[in-house]
Amino acid sequence: MLLKAIIIIVSIYLVITFVMLPIQYRYLIGIKEEQDKNNQSMREYYDQMPIQEEVLHGNTQLNPMFFLANFLAWLILKFQKKI
């Protein structure tokens, strides 16, 4: 019974991860494009970000439900040499 519950929870997490992966990928691409457009470093980009946007960004990047999707999106971008 416990094993069945764990398998279900892991399966749901993997489905969420694969649904969120393209969204996180586009989000990271968008951030990189905005930095390049404004000719800013990562630090300058975050320093000039309004607090509301910074909180939203933190939730998007650090939410445990999206952590694996965010990490995989980052790895894909790293291997594509876009970051």
C-alpha atoms as a PDB file:
ATOM      1  CA  MET A   1       0.000   0.000   0.000  1.00  0.00           C
ATOM      2  CA  LEU A   2       2.771   2.436   0.936  1.00  0.00           C
ATOM      3  CA  LEU A   3       4.790   1.500  -2.162  1.00  0.00           C
ATOM      4  CA  LYS A   4       1.732   2.093  -4.327  1.00  0.00           C
ATOM      5  CA  ALA A   5       1.243   5.559  -2.811  1.00  0.00           C
ATOM      6  CA  ILE A   6       4.907   6.437  -3.354  1.00  0.00           C
ATOM      7  CA  ILE A   7       4.730   5.313  -6.979  1.00  0.00           C
ATOM      8  CA  ILE A   8       1.620   7.431  -7.536  1.00  0.00           C
ATOM      9  CA  ILE A   9       3.201  10.506  -5.940  1.00  0.00           C
ATOM     10  CA  VAL A  10       6.415  10.111  -7.954  1.00  0.00           C
ATOM     11  CA  SER A  11       4.388   9.608 -11.145  1.00  0.00           C
ATOM     12  CA  ILE A  12       2.394  12.789 -10.507  1.00  0.00           C
ATOM     13  CA  TYR A  13       5.619  14.711  -9.835  1.00  0.00           C
ATOM     14  CA  LEU A  14       7.141  13.449 -13.088  1.00  0.00           C
ATOM     15  CA  VAL A  15       4.030  14.443 -15.055  1.00  0.00           C
ATOM     16  CA  ILE A  16       4.146  17.926 -13.515  1.00  0.00           C
ATOM     17  CA  THR A  17       7.855  18.135 -14.337  1.00  0.00           C
ATOM     18  CA  PHE A  18       7.363  17.229 -17.997  1.00  0.00           C
ATOM     19  CA  VAL A  19       4.437  19.629 -18.338  1.00  0.00           C
ATOM     20  CA  MET A  20       6.433  22.467 -16.760  1.00  0.00           C
ATOM     21  CA  LEU A  21       9.695  21.761 -18.610  1.00  0.00           C
ATOM     22  CA  PRO A  22       8.838  23.694 -21.815  1.00  0.00           C
ATOM     23  CA  ILE A  23       7.399  26.539 -19.745  1.00  0.00           C
ATOM     24  CA  GLN A  24      10.539  26.807 -17.603  1.00  0.00           C
ATOM     25  CA  TYR A  25      12.687  26.568 -20.741  1.00  0.00           C
ATOM     26  CA  ARG A  26      10.900  29.501 -22.376  1.00  0.00           C
ATOM     27  CA  TYR A  27      11.034  31.427 -19.095  1.00  0.00           C
ATOM     28  CA  LEU A  28      14.817  31.063 -18.858  1.00  0.00           C
ATOM     29  CA  ILE A  29      15.214  31.977 -22.543  1.00  0.00           C
ATOM     30  CA  GLY A  30      13.078  35.082 -21.958  1.00  0.00           C
ATOM     31  CA  ILE A  31      15.199  36.188 -19.017  1.00  0.00           C
ATOM     32  CA  LYS A  32      18.387  35.714 -21.045  1.00  0.00           C
ATOM     33  CA  GLU A  33      16.953  37.643 -24.010  1.00  0.00           C
ATOM     34  CA  GLU A  34      15.881  40.510 -21.751  1.00  0.00           C
ATOM     35  CA  GLN A  35      19.353  40.674 -20.192  1.00  0.00           C
ATOM     36  CA  ASP A  36      20.974  40.697 -23.631  1.00  0.00           C
ATOM     37  CA  LYS A  37      18.549  43.340 -24.923  1.00  0.00           C
ATOM     38  CA  ASN A  38      19.330  45.646 -21.994  1.00  0.00           C
ATOM     39  CA  ASN A  39      23.028  44.705 -22.035  1.00  0.00           C
ATOM     40  CA  GLN A  40      22.976  43.806 -18.326  1.00  0.00           C
ATOM     41  CA  SER A  41      24.769  41.269 -16.215  1.00  0.00           C
ATOM     42  CA  MET A  42      22.718  38.890 -14.095  1.00  0.00           C
ATOM     43  CA  ARG A  43      23.373  40.982 -10.992  1.00  0.00           C
ATOM     44  CA  GLU A  44      22.337  44.246 -12.684  1.00  0.00           C
ATOM     45  CA  TYR A  45      19.216  42.558 -14.014  1.00  0.00           C
ATOM     46  CA  TYR A  46      18.105  41.461 -10.542  1.00  0.00           C
ATOM     47  CA  ASP A  47      19.114  44.744  -8.903  1.00  0.00           C
ATOM     48  CA  GLN A  48      16.860  46.711 -11.255  1.00  0.00           C
ATOM     49  CA  MET A  49      13.950  44.275 -10.967  1.00  0.00           C
ATOM     50  CA  PRO A  50      10.903  45.548  -9.021  1.00  0.00           C
ATOM     51  CA  ILE A  51      10.303  43.701  -5.748  1.00  0.00           C
ATOM     52  CA  GLN A  52       7.018  42.180  -6.991  1.00  0.00           C
ATOM     53  CA  GLU A  53       8.731  40.705 -10.032  1.00  0.00           C
ATOM     54  CA  GLU A  54      11.623  39.508  -7.893  1.00  0.00           C
ATOM     55  CA  VAL A  55       9.211  37.632  -5.599  1.00  0.00           C
ATOM     56  CA  LEU A  56       7.474  36.043  -8.597  1.00  0.00           C
ATOM     57  CA  HIS A  57      10.825  35.064 -10.062  1.00  0.00           C
ATOM     58  CA  GLY A  58      11.917  33.530  -6.765  1.00  0.00           C
ATOM     59  CA  ASN A  59       8.717  31.504  -6.540  1.00  0.00           C
ATOM     60  CA  THR A  60       9.125  30.297 -10.099  1.00  0.00           C
ATOM     61  CA  GLN A  61      12.737  29.279  -9.642  1.00  0.00           C
ATOM     62  CA  LEU A  62      12.672  27.892  -6.107  1.00  0.00           C
ATOM     63  CA  ASN A  63       9.280  26.204  -5.882  1.00  0.00           C
ATOM     64  CA  PRO A  64       9.918  22.535  -4.967  1.00  0.00           C
ATOM     65  CA  MET A  65       7.215  21.414  -7.400  1.00  0.00           C
ATOM     66  CA  PHE A  66       9.086  23.025 -10.296  1.00  0.00           C
ATOM     67  CA  PHE A  67      12.656  22.430  -9.144  1.00  0.00           C
ATOM     68  CA  LEU A  68      13.308  19.411 -11.382  1.00  0.00           C
ATOM     69  CA  ALA A  69      11.712  21.100 -14.412  1.00  0.00           C
ATOM     70  CA  ASN A  70      13.793  24.221 -13.811  1.00  0.00           C
ATOM     71  CA  PHE A  71      16.978  22.196 -13.408  1.00  0.00           C
ATOM     72  CA  LEU A  72      16.319  20.176 -16.567  1.00  0.00           C
ATOM     73  CA  ALA A  73      15.535  23.343 -18.540  1.00  0.00           C
ATOM     74  CA  TRP A  74      18.787  24.878 -17.317  1.00  0.00           C
ATOM     75  CA  LEU A  75      20.706  21.735 -18.327  1.00  0.00           C
ATOM     76  CA  ILE A  76      19.164  21.789 -21.808  1.00  0.00           C
ATOM     77  CA  LEU A  77      20.127  25.438 -22.233  1.00  0.00           C
ATOM     78  CA  LYS A  78      23.609  24.725 -20.922  1.00  0.00           C
ATOM     79  CA  PHE A  79      24.125  21.907 -23.440  1.00  0.00           C
ATOM     80  CA  GLN A  80      22.754  24.092 -26.233  1.00  0.00           C
ATOM     81  CA  LYS A  81      25.229  26.769 -25.097  1.00  0.00           C
ATOM     82  CA  LYS A  82      22.477  29.386 -24.836  1.00  0.00           C
ATOM     83  CA  ILE A  83      23.415  30.291 -21.269  1.00  0.00           C
END
